[in-house]
Protein backbone atom coordinates (compact mmCIF):
# COMPACT_ATOMS: atom_id res chain seq x y z
CA MET A 1 2.19 4.83 2.03
CA GLU A 2 0.48 5.75 -1.19
CA ASP A 3 -3.24 4.91 -1.55
CA ARG A 4 -3.56 1.22 -2.38
CA GLU A 5 -6.90 1.73 -3.98
CA GLN A 6 -5.18 4.13 -6.49
CA VAL A 7 -2.49 1.49 -7.21
CA ARG A 8 -5.03 -1.19 -7.82
CA ARG A 9 -7.14 1.20 -10.18
CA GLU A 10 -4.02 2.06 -12.08
CA PHE A 11 -3.10 -1.57 -12.34
CA ARG A 12 -6.52 -2.57 -13.62
CA ASP A 13 -6.33 0.24 -16.24
CA ALA A 14 -2.93 -0.87 -17.43
CA VAL A 15 -3.80 -4.57 -17.48
CA ASN A 16 -6.48 -5.10 -20.00
CA LEU A 17 -6.08 -8.91 -20.51
CA THR A 18 -8.06 -11.34 -18.37
CA PRO A 19 -6.05 -13.93 -16.40
CA LYS A 20 -7.13 -16.65 -18.90
CA GLU A 21 -6.15 -14.42 -21.92
CA LEU A 22 -2.75 -13.73 -20.34
CA GLU A 23 -2.26 -17.34 -19.58
CA ASP A 24 -3.05 -18.44 -23.02
CA TRP A 25 -0.73 -15.75 -24.46
CA LEU A 26 2.18 -16.72 -22.20
CA ASP A 27 1.84 -20.29 -23.60
CA THR A 28 2.77 -19.05 -27.13
CA ASP A 29 6.17 -19.01 -28.80
CA GLU A 30 5.65 -15.30 -29.61
CA SER A 31 5.40 -14.61 -26.00
CA ARG A 32 8.54 -16.49 -25.12
CA ALA A 33 10.56 -15.03 -27.94
CA VAL A 34 10.51 -11.39 -26.73
CA GLY A 35 12.02 -9.56 -23.89
CA GLN A 36 15.33 -9.27 -21.85
CA LYS A 37 16.56 -12.72 -20.85
CA ASP A 38 19.19 -13.75 -18.34
CA GLY A 39 19.65 -17.18 -20.06
CA GLY A 40 16.17 -18.36 -19.20
CA GLU A 41 12.75 -16.73 -19.00
CA SER A 42 12.47 -13.08 -19.90
CA VAL A 43 11.67 -10.49 -17.35
CA GLY A 44 8.35 -9.73 -18.98
CA HIS A 45 7.28 -13.32 -19.26
CA ALA A 46 7.91 -13.83 -15.47
CA SER A 47 6.03 -10.65 -14.82
CA GLY A 48 3.13 -11.97 -16.89
CA ARG A 49 2.93 -15.12 -14.71
CA ARG A 50 2.98 -12.89 -11.60
CA ILE A 51 0.25 -10.62 -13.00
CA VAL A 52 -2.07 -13.72 -13.51
CA GLU A 53 -1.47 -14.41 -9.86
CA LEU A 54 -2.22 -10.85 -8.82
CA LEU A 55 -5.49 -10.71 -10.85
CA ARG A 56 -6.70 -13.75 -9.10
CA THR A 57 -5.68 -12.52 -5.55
CA LYS A 58 -8.26 -10.99 -3.31
CA LYS A 59 -7.48 -7.37 -2.50
CA ASP A 60 -7.26 -8.18 1.23
CA ASP A 61 -4.62 -10.77 0.59
CA LEU A 62 -2.29 -8.49 -1.41
CA THR A 63 1.08 -7.87 0.16
CA ASP A 64 3.44 -4.87 0.00
CA ASP A 65 5.44 -6.80 -2.57
CA ASP A 66 2.41 -7.39 -4.63
CA TYR A 67 1.69 -3.59 -4.64
CA ALA A 68 5.28 -2.93 -5.62
CA HIS A 69 4.90 -5.17 -8.53
CA MET A 70 1.66 -3.58 -9.55
CA ARG A 71 3.40 -0.19 -9.68
CA LYS A 72 6.24 -1.75 -11.70
CA VAL A 73 3.65 -3.05 -14.22
CA VAL A 74 1.91 0.30 -14.51
CA GLY A 75 5.28 2.15 -15.04
CA TYR A 76 6.38 -0.31 -17.73
CA VAL A 77 3.05 -0.25 -19.65
CA HIS A 78 3.00 3.57 -19.52
CA ARG A 79 6.59 3.81 -20.74
CA HIS A 80 6.27 1.18 -23.43
CA LEU A 81 3.02 2.71 -24.77
CA ALA A 82 4.83 6.10 -25.25
CA GLN A 83 7.36 4.30 -27.53
CA ARG A 84 4.77 2.91 -29.96
CA PRO A 85 6.32 2.42 -33.44
CA GLY A 86 4.68 3.62 -36.62
CA GLY A 87 2.68 1.44 -38.85
CA ASP A 88 0.82 -1.73 -38.12
CA VAL A 89 1.87 -3.08 -34.72
CA GLU A 90 -0.12 -6.27 -34.74
CA ASP A 91 2.80 -8.71 -35.22
CA THR A 92 5.60 -6.74 -33.51
CA PRO A 93 8.03 -7.45 -30.64
CA TRP A 94 6.62 -4.09 -29.24
CA ARG A 95 3.07 -5.40 -28.95
CA TYR A 96 4.21 -8.85 -27.77
CA SER A 97 6.35 -7.33 -24.93
CA LEU A 98 3.34 -5.38 -23.80
CA MET A 99 1.08 -8.37 -23.89
CA ASN A 100 3.59 -10.25 -21.66
CA TRP A 101 3.04 -7.39 -19.12
CA GLY A 102 -0.76 -7.84 -19.46
CA HIS A 103 -1.66 -5.17 -21.89
CA ASP A 104 -2.70 -5.62 -25.53
CA PRO A 105 -2.62 -2.21 -27.15
CA LEU A 106 -4.99 -3.51 -29.96
CA LYS A 107 -7.72 -4.67 -27.54
CA ARG A 108 -10.77 -2.46 -27.40
């Protein structure tokens, strides 16, 4: 199996919001308004809730399923960053979608 330390490192690099920042964001109308929905919560919004849990889980308690989700998050963030639109992205669905996945492209 691939190196779990590497997966955790890539996940930490991709997710630049703290659990509290992400929770606060997920409570906004902007967060709920973006993403692919199957009638209810969007995939990214559900992922954001899972990311909060992952950030608060001790590494020894992480499961294979957790690591699979961490890899999914890293892949999503990298793909989405590569599709950055031109101009000011502050109030865009592109940024809001990334934030649902734990990454704010405007955060330094």
